[in-house]
Amino acid sequence: MPAAGARAVRSARRQLARQDFDRTAWQQLRARLKGTATQASRPAADPNAHLAAGDRALAREDYDQAVRCMYRAVDVDPTRTNSLRALAVALVAAKRFDESVPVYESILGAAPDDRTARYNLALAAARIRDFRRAEIEFRKLLEARDDSVRAAHNLATIYQAQGKLHQAAEAWRTVIRLAPKMAPAHASLGEVLLDLGKPEQAMVSYALAATLQPSEVAGWLNLSAAARSAGSYGRAAVALQRAAKLAPEDAEVWQRLGDVMLELHRSTERRMFLGSAVEAWSRSLRIDPDQKELAGKVKFYSAIQASQPAERR
């Protein structure tokens, strides 16, 4: 897999790792458990006693104890779907995703139309890097409801996580059709297009993402990277200038701006751009003086700038 494609894959996998499981069903069950007494005062055969104890263990972040309590609830009444849902929540909290997969499968065996369980099953599969299984489950969610933005978004992410970049691009376009103002979807499409070797198209997607979230530095940095890959150094410089306004104390932003200004100088032979490059690099050095290579670059190009005749107006 090309290095650029590998970067897109890592990005998608990080995104999946940050996604939260849907705990709606568990929150509803917890509300019904509020009146349950302590486990010691309830019959051991009552699954609600174990569920309540597990809930208290979750509250104090004793996840292993929560898992033990939820397993007891399932043992008392293995056909009770609520106990399975609670067990799945505890296993996910304990990061025992591999154990949660068969639990979600059992829930779906009893309630095939449980979209929350299917979503969580897909996410659990993704956490254990079973991306093919996650793809299948997200596709089922989308087939059952083709206007589900969440399902479409996750399917696109799963394609990208597997390195299926052409399918990911089409899937991100589906997300954008459903939610045209979702800036992260435009940014993800831009990332995929850039890795597919289509920097001009990526630039359009990144520009839309940056416009939708103008206060996000990352959006302007992405746009500058795509513009630079497309050879549009002027647009890259403008995007970096926007980023610098948002993050004036970010040394890396100024360093990147200097690099783009140097490329503008080389492509146009305009002395003013070389001066702008030296100025941006110098700003970066004032913020972070521990950049020996950049300091050498400033010294070298400052000498070149001084030796060049002034431009005619």
C-alpha atoms as a PDB file:
ATOM      1  CA  MET A   1       0.000   0.000   0.000  1.00  0.00           C
ATOM      2  CA  PRO A   2       1.441   3.451  -0.832  1.00  0.00           C
ATOM      3  CA  ALA A   3       2.595   5.580   2.079  1.00  0.00           C
ATOM      4  CA  ALA A   4      -0.106   8.171   1.426  1.00  0.00           C
ATOM      5  CA  GLY A   5      -2.779   5.496   1.443  1.00  0.00           C
ATOM      6  CA  ALA A   6      -1.362   4.133   4.663  1.00  0.00           C
ATOM      7  CA  ARG A   7      -1.733   7.573   6.238  1.00  0.00           C
ATOM      8  CA  ALA A   8      -5.403   7.676   5.252  1.00  0.00           C
ATOM      9  CA  VAL A   9      -5.922   4.223   6.733  1.00  0.00           C
ATOM     10  CA  ARG A  10      -4.309   5.240  10.029  1.00  0.00           C
ATOM     11  CA  SER A  11      -6.444   8.365  10.142  1.00  0.00           C
ATOM     12  CA  ALA A  12      -9.660   6.342   9.701  1.00  0.00           C
ATOM     13  CA  ARG A  13      -8.611   3.812  12.323  1.00  0.00           C
ATOM     14  CA  ARG A  14      -7.894   6.580  14.819  1.00  0.00           C
ATOM     15  CA  GLN A  15     -11.325   8.005  14.079  1.00  0.00           C
ATOM     16  CA  LEU A  16     -12.982   4.639  14.745  1.00  0.00           C
ATOM     17  CA  ALA A  17     -11.056   4.266  17.996  1.00  0.00           C
ATOM     18  CA  ARG A  18     -12.470   7.593  19.201  1.00  0.00           C
ATOM     19  CA  GLN A  19     -16.105   6.832  18.443  1.00  0.00           C
ATOM     20  CA  ASP A  20     -18.395   6.256  21.388  1.00  0.00           C
ATOM     21  CA  PHE A  21     -20.601   3.225  21.720  1.00  0.00           C
ATOM     22  CA  ASP A  22     -24.342   3.874  21.819  1.00  0.00           C
ATOM     23  CA  ARG A  23     -25.483   3.514  25.434  1.00  0.00           C
ATOM     24  CA  THR A  24     -29.090   4.594  24.895  1.00  0.00           C
ATOM     25  CA  ALA A  25     -30.575   1.200  25.835  1.00  0.00           C
ATOM     26  CA  TRP A  26     -28.363   0.995  28.927  1.00  0.00           C
ATOM     27  CA  GLN A  27     -29.373   4.480  30.087  1.00  0.00           C
ATOM     28  CA  GLN A  28     -33.023   3.487  29.784  1.00  0.00           C
ATOM     29  CA  LEU A  29     -32.355   0.352  31.808  1.00  0.00           C
ATOM     30  CA  ARG A  30     -30.447   2.302  34.444  1.00  0.00           C
ATOM     31  CA  ALA A  31     -33.418   4.577  34.909  1.00  0.00           C
ATOM     32  CA  ARG A  32     -35.510   1.524  35.769  1.00  0.00           C
ATOM     33  CA  LEU A  33     -32.853   0.280  38.190  1.00  0.00           C
ATOM     34  CA  LYS A  34     -32.829   3.454  40.264  1.00  0.00           C
ATOM     35  CA  GLY A  35     -35.240   2.020  42.780  1.00  0.00           C
ATOM     36  CA  THR A  36     -33.427  -1.298  43.113  1.00  0.00           C
ATOM     37  CA  ALA A  37     -32.053  -1.937  46.591  1.00  0.00           C
ATOM     38  CA  THR A  38     -28.510  -3.058  47.301  1.00  0.00           C
ATOM     39  CA  GLN A  39     -27.533  -6.493  46.148  1.00  0.00           C
ATOM     40  CA  ALA A  40     -27.148  -7.748  49.731  1.00  0.00           C
ATOM     41  CA  SER A  41     -30.813  -7.134  50.482  1.00  0.00           C
ATOM     42  CA  ARG A  42     -32.131  -8.743  47.297  1.00  0.00           C
ATOM     43  CA  PRO A  43     -32.413 -12.415  46.388  1.00  0.00           C
ATOM     44  CA  ALA A  44     -29.347 -13.740  44.584  1.00  0.00           C
ATOM     45  CA  ALA A  45     -31.680 -15.102  41.912  1.00  0.00           C
ATOM     46  CA  ASP A  46     -32.887 -11.594  41.034  1.00  0.00           C
ATOM     47  CA  PRO A  47     -30.935 -10.361  37.967  1.00  0.00           C
ATOM     48  CA  ASN A  48     -31.800  -6.747  38.818  1.00  0.00           C
ATOM     49  CA  ALA A  49     -29.761  -7.017  42.031  1.00  0.00           C
ATOM     50  CA  HIS A  50     -26.668  -7.946  40.032  1.00  0.00           C
ATOM     51  CA  LEU A  51     -27.398  -5.270  37.425  1.00  0.00           C
ATOM     52  CA  ALA A  52     -27.681  -2.625  40.139  1.00  0.00           C
ATOM     53  CA  ALA A  53     -24.406  -3.770  41.682  1.00  0.00           C
ATOM     54  CA  GLY A  54     -22.783  -3.668  38.272  1.00  0.00           C
ATOM     55  CA  ASP A  55     -24.101  -0.157  37.731  1.00  0.00           C
ATOM     56  CA  ARG A  56     -22.512   0.979  40.987  1.00  0.00           C
ATOM     57  CA  ALA A  57     -19.238  -0.652  39.971  1.00  0.00           C
ATOM     58  CA  LEU A  58     -19.349   1.197  36.632  1.00  0.00           C
ATOM     59  CA  ALA A  59     -19.950   4.479  38.474  1.00  0.00           C
ATOM     60  CA  ARG A  60     -16.759   4.004  40.500  1.00  0.00           C
ATOM     61  CA  GLU A  61     -14.897   2.795  37.367  1.00  0.00           C
ATOM     62  CA  ASP A  62     -14.334  -0.691  38.755  1.00  0.00           C
ATOM     63  CA  TYR A  63     -14.905  -2.228  35.362  1.00  0.00           C
ATOM     64  CA  ASP A  64     -13.766  -5.768  36.162  1.00  0.00           C
ATOM     65  CA  GLN A  65     -16.213  -5.926  39.060  1.00  0.00           C
ATOM     66  CA  ALA A  66     -18.931  -4.515  36.804  1.00  0.00           C
ATOM     67  CA  VAL A  67     -18.270  -7.309  34.302  1.00  0.00           C
ATOM     68  CA  ARG A  68     -18.508  -9.934  37.049  1.00  0.00           C
ATOM     69  CA  CYS A  69     -21.822  -8.515  38.260  1.00  0.00           C
ATOM     70  CA  MET A  70     -23.286  -8.410  34.749  1.00  0.00           C
ATOM     71  CA  TYR A  71     -22.153 -11.983  34.064  1.00  0.00           C
ATOM     72  CA  ARG A  72     -23.986 -13.048  37.237  1.00  0.00           C
ATOM     73  CA  ALA A  73     -27.144 -11.355  35.968  1.00  0.00           C
ATOM     74  CA  VAL A  74     -26.860 -13.277  32.693  1.00  0.00           C
ATOM     75  CA  ASP A  75     -26.195 -16.537  34.576  1.00  0.00           C
ATOM     76  CA  VAL A  76     -29.341 -16.035  36.652  1.00  0.00           C
ATOM     77  CA  ASP A  77     -31.469 -15.454  33.552  1.00  0.00           C
ATOM     78  CA  PRO A  78     -29.521 -16.110  30.317  1.00  0.00           C
ATOM     79  CA  THR A  79     -32.516 -15.251  28.114  1.00  0.00           C
ATOM     80  CA  ARG A  80     -32.926 -11.787  29.619  1.00  0.00           C
ATOM     81  CA  THR A  81     -31.896  -9.330  26.895  1.00  0.00           C
ATOM     82  CA  ASN A  82     -31.461  -6.480  29.377  1.00  0.00           C
ATOM     83  CA  SER A  83     -28.787  -8.446  31.217  1.00  0.00           C
ATOM     84  CA  LEU A  84     -26.960  -9.044  27.931  1.00  0.00           C
ATOM     85  CA  ARG A  85     -27.103  -5.343  27.117  1.00  0.00           C
ATOM     86  CA  ALA A  86     -25.699  -4.484  30.528  1.00  0.00           C
ATOM     87  CA  LEU A  87     -22.948  -7.073  30.136  1.00  0.00           C
ATOM     88  CA  ALA A  88     -21.986  -5.612  26.758  1.00  0.00           C
ATOM     89  CA  VAL A  89     -21.730  -2.123  28.297  1.00  0.00           C
ATOM     90  CA  ALA A  90     -19.468  -3.411  31.066  1.00  0.00           C
ATOM     91  CA  LEU A  91     -17.247  -5.322  28.647  1.00  0.00           C
ATOM     92  CA  VAL A  92     -16.841  -2.253  26.443  1.00  0.00           C
ATOM     93  CA  ALA A  93     -16.022  -0.104  29.490  1.00  0.00           C
ATOM     94  CA  ALA A  94     -13.378  -2.674  30.418  1.00  0.00           C
ATOM     95  CA  LYS A  95     -12.084  -2.559  26.816  1.00  0.00           C
ATOM     96  CA  ARG A  96     -12.776  -6.270  26.432  1.00  0.00           C
ATOM     97  CA  PHE A  97     -14.125  -5.728  22.946  1.00  0.00           C
ATOM     98  CA  ASP A  98     -13.476  -9.278  21.747  1.00  0.00           C
ATOM     99  CA  GLU A  99     -15.774 -10.619  24.492  1.00  0.00           C
ATOM    100  CA  SER A 100     -18.453  -8.044  23.687  1.00  0.00           C
ATOM    101  CA  VAL A 101     -18.863  -9.249  20.083  1.00  0.00           C
ATOM    102  CA  PRO A 102     -20.660 -12.559  20.895  1.00  0.00           C
ATOM    103  CA  VAL A 103     -22.755 -10.727  23.497  1.00  0.00           C
ATOM    104  CA  TYR A 104     -24.012  -8.282  20.875  1.00  0.00           C
ATOM    105  CA  GLU A 105     -24.635 -11.239  18.568  1.00  0.00           C
ATOM    106  CA  SER A 106     -26.798 -12.824  21.272  1.00  0.00           C
ATOM    107  CA  ILE A 107     -28.773  -9.608  21.664  1.00  0.00           C
ATOM    108  CA  LEU A 108     -29.383  -9.503  17.919  1.00  0.00           C
ATOM    109  CA  GLY A 109     -30.394 -13.156  17.991  1.00  0.00           C
ATOM    110  CA  ALA A 110     -33.219 -12.183  20.349  1.00  0.00           C
ATOM    111  CA  ALA A 111     -33.919  -8.783  18.782  1.00  0.00           C
ATOM    112  CA  PRO A 112     -32.778  -8.735  15.111  1.00  0.00           C
ATOM    113  CA  ASP A 113     -34.086  -5.200  14.574  1.00  0.00           C
ATOM    114  CA  ASP A 114     -32.092  -3.700  17.452  1.00  0.00           C
ATOM    115  CA  ARG A 115     -30.163  -1.014  15.544  1.00  0.00           C
ATOM    116  CA  THR A 116     -28.287   0.076  18.656  1.00  0.00           C
ATOM    117  CA  ALA A 117     -26.927  -3.432  19.237  1.00  0.00           C
ATOM    118  CA  ARG A 118     -25.964  -3.781  15.575  1.00  0.00           C
ATOM    119  CA  TYR A 119     -24.181  -0.408  15.621  1.00  0.00           C
ATOM    120  CA  ASN A 120     -22.283  -1.392  18.757  1.00  0.00           C
ATOM    121  CA  LEU A 121     -21.445  -4.800  17.271  1.00  0.00           C
ATOM    122  CA  ALA A 122     -19.966  -3.109  14.209  1.00  0.00           C
ATOM    123  CA  LEU A 123     -17.957  -0.720  16.371  1.00  0.00           C
ATOM    124  CA  ALA A 124     -16.716  -3.547  18.601  1.00  0.00           C
ATOM    125  CA  ALA A 125     -15.617  -5.467  15.503  1.00  0.00           C
ATOM    126  CA  ALA A 126     -13.742  -2.394  14.321  1.00  0.00           C
ATOM    127  CA  ARG A 127     -11.990  -2.084  17.694  1.00  0.00           C
ATOM    128  CA  ILE A 128     -10.567  -5.595  17.309  1.00  0.00           C
ATOM    129  CA  ARG A 129      -9.587  -4.807  13.704  1.00  0.00           C
ATOM    130  CA  ASP A 130     -12.222  -7.096  12.201  1.00  0.00           C
ATOM    131  CA  PHE A 131     -13.014  -4.422   9.650  1.00  0.00           C
ATOM    132  CA  ARG A 132     -14.720  -6.803   7.244  1.00  0.00           C
ATOM    133  CA  ARG A 133     -17.262  -7.755   9.904  1.00  0.00           C
ATOM    134  CA  ALA A 134     -17.732  -4.103  10.821  1.00  0.00           C
ATOM    135  CA  GLU A 135     -18.345  -3.298   7.150  1.00  0.00           C
ATOM    136  CA  ILE A 136     -21.020  -5.990   6.910  1.00  0.00           C
ATOM    137  CA  GLU A 137     -22.860  -4.698   9.976  1.00  0.00           C
ATOM    138  CA  PHE A 138     -22.712  -1.048   8.942  1.00  0.00           C
ATOM    139  CA  ARG A 139     -23.964  -2.026   5.478  1.00  0.00           C
ATOM    140  CA  LYS A 140     -26.942  -3.784   7.085  1.00  0.00           C
ATOM    141  CA  LEU A 141     -27.742  -0.622   9.030  1.00  0.00           C
ATOM    142  CA  LEU A 142     -27.571   1.454   5.862  1.00  0.00           C
ATOM    143  CA  GLU A 143     -29.648  -1.029   3.853  1.00  0.00           C
ATOM    144  CA  ALA A 144     -32.369  -0.937   6.500  1.00  0.00           C
ATOM    145  CA  ARG A 145     -32.378   2.854   6.496  1.00  0.00           C
ATOM    146  CA  ASP A 146     -30.605   4.441   3.567  1.00  0.00           C
ATOM    147  CA  ASP A 147     -30.922   7.977   4.991  1.00  0.00           C
ATOM    148  CA  SER A 148     -28.962   7.212   8.145  1.00  0.00           C
ATOM    149  CA  VAL A 149     -26.089   9.684   8.249  1.00  0.00           C
ATOM    150  CA  ARG A 150     -24.378   7.838  11.097  1.00  0.00           C
ATOM    151  CA  ALA A 151     -24.434   4.514   9.273  1.00  0.00           C
ATOM    152  CA  ALA A 152     -23.212   6.103   6.029  1.00  0.00           C
ATOM    153  CA  HIS A 153     -20.459   7.946   7.889  1.00  0.00           C
ATOM    154  CA  ASN A 154     -19.249   4.813   9.617  1.00  0.00           C
ATOM    155  CA  LEU A 155     -19.367   2.732   6.439  1.00  0.00           C
ATOM    156  CA  ALA A 156     -17.198   5.334   4.700  1.00  0.00           C
ATOM    157  CA  THR A 157     -14.769   5.286   7.612  1.00  0.00           C
ATOM    158  CA  ILE A 158     -14.619   1.485   7.540  1.00  0.00           C
ATOM    159  CA  TYR A 159     -13.834   1.484   3.805  1.00  0.00           C
ATOM    160  CA  GLN A 160     -11.066   3.983   4.438  1.00  0.00           C
ATOM    161  CA  ALA A 161      -9.745   1.978   7.403  1.00  0.00           C
ATOM    162  CA  GLN A 162      -9.378  -1.028   5.087  1.00  0.00           C
ATOM    163  CA  GLY A 163      -7.594   0.970   2.414  1.00  0.00           C
ATOM    164  CA  LYS A 164     -10.572   0.671   0.028  1.00  0.00           C
ATOM    165  CA  LEU A 165     -10.089   4.263  -1.041  1.00  0.00           C
ATOM    166  CA  HIS A 166     -12.245   4.289  -4.194  1.00  0.00           C
ATOM    167  CA  GLN A 167     -15.185   2.844  -2.243  1.00  0.00           C
ATOM    168  CA  ALA A 168     -14.445   5.242   0.597  1.00  0.00           C
ATOM    169  CA  ALA A 169     -14.609   8.216  -1.768  1.00  0.00           C
ATOM    170  CA  GLU A 170     -18.031   7.166  -3.055  1.00  0.00           C
ATOM    171  CA  ALA A 171     -19.224   6.508   0.480  1.00  0.00           C
ATOM    172  CA  TRP A 172     -18.079   9.951   1.645  1.00  0.00           C
ATOM    173  CA  ARG A 173     -19.967  11.477  -1.288  1.00  0.00           C
ATOM    174  CA  THR A 174     -23.066   9.654  -0.023  1.00  0.00           C
ATOM    175  CA  VAL A 175     -22.548  11.162   3.427  1.00  0.00           C
ATOM    176  CA  ILE A 176     -22.203  14.612   1.892  1.00  0.00           C
ATOM    177  CA  ARG A 177     -25.418  14.166  -0.087  1.00  0.00           C
ATOM    178  CA  LEU A 178     -27.193  13.322   3.182  1.00  0.00           C
ATOM    179  CA  ALA A 179     -25.465  16.038   5.211  1.00  0.00           C
ATOM    180  CA  PRO A 180     -23.960  18.669   2.889  1.00  0.00           C
ATOM    181  CA  LYS A 181     -22.813  20.887   5.761  1.00  0.00           C
ATOM    182  CA  MET A 182     -20.875  18.182   7.604  1.00  0.00           C
ATOM    183  CA  ALA A 183     -17.367  19.620   7.452  1.00  0.00           C
ATOM    184  CA  PRO A 184     -15.568  16.434   8.643  1.00  0.00           C
ATOM    185  CA  ALA A 185     -17.118  14.491   5.745  1.00  0.00           C
ATOM    186  CA  HIS A 186     -15.738  16.993   3.229  1.00  0.00           C
ATOM    187  CA  ALA A 187     -12.355  16.801   4.963  1.00  0.00           C
ATOM    188  CA  SER A 188     -12.364  13.001   4.893  1.00  0.00           C
ATOM    189  CA  LEU A 189     -13.247  13.000   1.209  1.00  0.00           C
ATOM    190  CA  GLY A 190     -10.386  15.421   0.621  1.00  0.00           C
ATOM    191  CA  GLU A 191      -8.006  13.140   2.488  1.00  0.00           C
ATOM    192  CA  VAL A 192      -9.036  10.132   0.406  1.00  0.00           C
ATOM    193  CA  LEU A 193      -8.841  12.064  -2.873  1.00  0.00           C
ATOM    194  CA  LEU A 194      -5.387  13.327  -1.986  1.00  0.00           C
ATOM    195  CA  ASP A 195      -4.240   9.767  -1.338  1.00  0.00           C
ATOM    196  CA  LEU A 196      -5.780   8.690  -4.638  1.00  0.00           C
ATOM    197  CA  GLY A 197      -3.524  11.170  -6.405  1.00  0.00           C
ATOM    198  CA  LYS A 198      -6.253  13.721  -7.145  1.00  0.00           C
ATOM    199  CA  PRO A 199      -4.971  16.859  -5.408  1.00  0.00           C
ATOM    200  CA  GLU A 200      -7.128  19.276  -7.427  1.00  0.00           C
ATOM    201  CA  GLN A 201     -10.321  17.498  -6.357  1.00  0.00           C
ATOM    202  CA  ALA A 202      -8.987  17.173  -2.819  1.00  0.00           C
ATOM    203  CA  MET A 203      -8.394  20.919  -2.763  1.00  0.00           C
ATOM    204  CA  VAL A 204     -12.080  21.535  -3.530  1.00  0.00           C
ATOM    205  CA  SER A 205     -13.210  19.246  -0.718  1.00  0.00           C
ATOM    206  CA  TYR A 206     -10.785  20.726   1.782  1.00  0.00           C
ATOM    207  CA  ALA A 207     -11.853  24.231   0.781  1.00  0.00           C
ATOM    208  CA  LEU A 208     -15.479  23.358   1.531  1.00  0.00           C
ATOM    209  CA  ALA A 209     -14.486  21.880   4.890  1.00  0.00           C
ATOM    210  CA  ALA A 210     -12.474  24.977   5.803  1.00  0.00           C
ATOM    211  CA  THR A 211     -15.305  27.276   4.739  1.00  0.00           C
ATOM    212  CA  LEU A 212     -17.773  25.362   6.891  1.00  0.00           C
ATOM    213  CA  GLN A 213     -15.435  25.519   9.900  1.00  0.00           C
ATOM    214  CA  PRO A 214     -13.432  28.708   9.354  1.00  0.00           C
ATOM    215  CA  SER A 215     -12.102  28.808  12.926  1.00  0.00           C
ATOM    216  CA  GLU A 216     -10.502  25.340  12.697  1.00  0.00           C
ATOM    217  CA  VAL A 217      -6.765  25.574  12.057  1.00  0.00           C
ATOM    218  CA  ALA A 218      -6.601  21.968  10.824  1.00  0.00           C
ATOM    219  CA  GLY A 219      -8.988  22.748   7.975  1.00  0.00           C
ATOM    220  CA  TRP A 220      -6.729  25.477   6.569  1.00  0.00           C
ATOM    221  CA  LEU A 221      -3.656  23.294   7.015  1.00  0.00           C
ATOM    222  CA  ASN A 222      -5.355  20.499   5.072  1.00  0.00           C
ATOM    223  CA  LEU A 223      -6.310  22.913   2.313  1.00  0.00           C
ATOM    224  CA  SER A 224      -2.752  24.213   2.113  1.00  0.00           C
ATOM    225  CA  ALA A 225      -1.370  20.671   1.833  1.00  0.00           C
ATOM    226  CA  ALA A 226      -3.748  19.812  -1.005  1.00  0.00           C
ATOM    227  CA  ALA A 227      -3.066  23.093  -2.803  1.00  0.00           C
ATOM    228  CA  ARG A 228       0.664  22.532  -2.466  1.00  0.00           C
ATOM    229  CA  SER A 229       0.340  19.013  -3.914  1.00  0.00           C
ATOM    230  CA  ALA A 230      -1.632  20.479  -6.814  1.00  0.00           C
ATOM    231  CA  GLY A 231       1.096  23.058  -7.438  1.00  0.00           C
ATOM    232  CA  SER A 232      -1.222  25.899  -6.410  1.00  0.00           C
ATOM    233  CA  TYR A 233       1.300  27.630  -4.166  1.00  0.00           C
ATOM    234  CA  GLY A 234      -0.604  30.901  -4.029  1.00  0.00           C
ATOM    235  CA  ARG A 235      -3.685  29.193  -2.655  1.00  0.00           C
ATOM    236  CA  ALA A 236      -1.538  27.199  -0.251  1.00  0.00           C
ATOM    237  CA  ALA A 237      -0.011  30.438   1.025  1.00  0.00           C
ATOM    238  CA  VAL A 238      -3.424  32.055   1.515  1.00  0.00           C
ATOM    239  CA  ALA A 239      -4.646  29.015   3.480  1.00  0.00           C
ATOM    240  CA  LEU A 240      -1.534  29.080   5.675  1.00  0.00           C
ATOM    241  CA  GLN A 241      -1.971  32.797   6.293  1.00  0.00           C
ATOM    242  CA  ARG A 242      -5.491  32.052   7.550  1.00  0.00           C
ATOM    243  CA  ALA A 243      -4.056  29.333   9.791  1.00  0.00           C
ATOM    244  CA  ALA A 244      -1.404  31.721  11.098  1.00  0.00           C
ATOM    245  CA  LYS A 245      -4.066  34.267  12.063  1.00  0.00           C
ATOM    246  CA  LEU A 246      -5.894  31.586  14.029  1.00  0.00           C
ATOM    247  CA  ALA A 247      -2.720  30.189  15.625  1.00  0.00           C
ATOM    248  CA  PRO A 248      -0.159  33.025  15.705  1.00  0.00           C
ATOM    249  CA  GLU A 249       2.034  31.192  18.241  1.00  0.00           C
ATOM    250  CA  ASP A 250       2.266  27.945  16.277  1.00  0.00           C
ATOM    251  CA  ALA A 251       5.843  27.627  15.055  1.00  0.00           C
ATOM    252  CA  GLU A 252       5.018  24.870  12.592  1.00  0.00           C
ATOM    253  CA  VAL A 253       2.406  26.984  10.803  1.00  0.00           C
ATOM    254  CA  TRP A 254       4.933  29.767  10.225  1.00  0.00           C
ATOM    255  CA  GLN A 255       7.555  27.255   9.113  1.00  0.00           C
ATOM    256  CA  ARG A 256       5.126  25.799   6.557  1.00  0.00           C
ATOM    257  CA  LEU A 257       4.204  29.271   5.361  1.00  0.00           C
ATOM    258  CA  GLY A 258       7.869  30.033   4.809  1.00  0.00           C
ATOM    259  CA  ASP A 259       8.318  26.845   2.801  1.00  0.00           C
ATOM    260  CA  VAL A 260       5.381  27.704   0.544  1.00  0.00           C
ATOM    261  CA  MET A 261       6.659  31.243   0.053  1.00  0.00           C
ATOM    262  CA  LEU A 262       9.994  29.779  -1.042  1.00  0.00           C
ATOM    263  CA  GLU A 263       8.175  27.638  -3.600  1.00  0.00           C
ATOM    264  CA  LEU A 264       6.365  30.749  -4.843  1.00  0.00           C
ATOM    265  CA  HIS A 265       9.725  32.488  -5.173  1.00  0.00           C
ATOM    266  CA  ARG A 266      11.156  29.584  -7.149  1.00  0.00           C
ATOM    267  CA  SER A 267       8.173  29.383  -9.490  1.00  0.00           C
ATOM    268  CA  THR A 268       7.901  33.140 -10.096  1.00  0.00           C
ATOM    269  CA  GLU A 269      11.463  34.369  -9.381  1.00  0.00           C
ATOM    270  CA  ARG A 270       9.885  37.209  -7.403  1.00  0.00           C
ATOM    271  CA  ARG A 271      12.223  38.528  -4.701  1.00  0.00           C
ATOM    272  CA  MET A 272       9.309  39.596  -2.507  1.00  0.00           C
ATOM    273  CA  PHE A 273       8.293  35.998  -1.949  1.00  0.00           C
ATOM    274  CA  LEU A 274      11.792  35.117  -0.767  1.00  0.00           C
ATOM    275  CA  GLY A 275      11.540  37.970   1.723  1.00  0.00           C
ATOM    276  CA  SER A 276       8.191  36.642   2.914  1.00  0.00           C
ATOM    277  CA  ALA A 277       9.707  33.180   3.331  1.00  0.00           C
ATOM    278  CA  VAL A 278      12.561  34.497   5.478  1.00  0.00           C
ATOM    279  CA  GLU A 279      10.109  36.590   7.507  1.00  0.00           C
ATOM    280  CA  ALA A 280       7.819  33.593   8.185  1.00  0.00           C
ATOM    281  CA  TRP A 281      10.731  31.323   9.126  1.00  0.00           C
ATOM    282  CA  SER A 282      12.112  34.003  11.428  1.00  0.00           C
ATOM    283  CA  ARG A 283       8.721  34.249  13.129  1.00  0.00           C
ATOM    284  CA  SER A 284       8.775  30.473  13.611  1.00  0.00           C
ATOM    285  CA  LEU A 285      12.239  30.691  15.171  1.00  0.00           C
ATOM    286  CA  ARG A 286      11.159  33.406  17.586  1.00  0.00           C
ATOM    287  CA  ILE A 287       8.420  31.089  18.813  1.00  0.00           C
ATOM    288  CA  ASP A 288      10.629  27.994  18.899  1.00  0.00           C
ATOM    289  CA  PRO A 289      14.354  28.839  18.778  1.00  0.00           C
ATOM    290  CA  ASP A 290      15.347  25.169  18.961  1.00  0.00           C
ATOM    291  CA  GLN A 291      15.151  24.626  15.183  1.00  0.00           C
ATOM    292  CA  LYS A 292      18.762  24.381  14.046  1.00  0.00           C
ATOM    293  CA  GLU A 293      17.969  23.374  10.484  1.00  0.00           C
ATOM    294  CA  LEU A 294      15.507  26.219  10.084  1.00  0.00           C
ATOM    295  CA  ALA A 295      18.021  28.679  11.549  1.00  0.00           C
ATOM    296  CA  GLY A 296      20.513  27.588   8.917  1.00  0.00           C
ATOM    297  CA  LYS A 297      17.891  28.030   6.223  1.00  0.00           C
ATOM    298  CA  VAL A 298      17.146  31.583   7.388  1.00  0.00           C
ATOM    299  CA  LYS A 299      20.843  32.461   7.323  1.00  0.00           C
ATOM    300  CA  PHE A 300      21.321  30.974   3.854  1.00  0.00           C
ATOM    301  CA  TYR A 301      18.295  32.589   2.203  1.00  0.00           C
ATOM    302  CA  SER A 302      18.788  35.920   3.983  1.00  0.00           C
ATOM    303  CA  ALA A 303      22.175  36.144   2.282  1.00  0.00           C
ATOM    304  CA  ILE A 304      20.627  35.313  -1.094  1.00  0.00           C
ATOM    305  CA  GLN A 305      17.914  37.915  -0.551  1.00  0.00           C
ATOM    306  CA  ALA A 306      20.487  40.565   0.316  1.00  0.00           C
ATOM    307  CA  SER A 307      22.453  39.824  -2.858  1.00  0.00           C
ATOM    308  CA  GLN A 308      19.449  40.203  -5.149  1.00  0.00           C
ATOM    309  CA  PRO A 309      18.581  43.561  -6.696  1.00  0.00           C
ATOM    310  CA  ALA A 310      15.420  45.269  -5.541  1.00  0.00           C
ATOM    311  CA  GLU A 311      12.346  44.574  -7.689  1.00  0.00           C
ATOM    312  CA  ARG A 312      11.002  47.242  -9.942  1.00  0.00           C
ATOM    313  CA  ARG A 313       7.568  48.474  -9.064  1.00  0.00           C
END
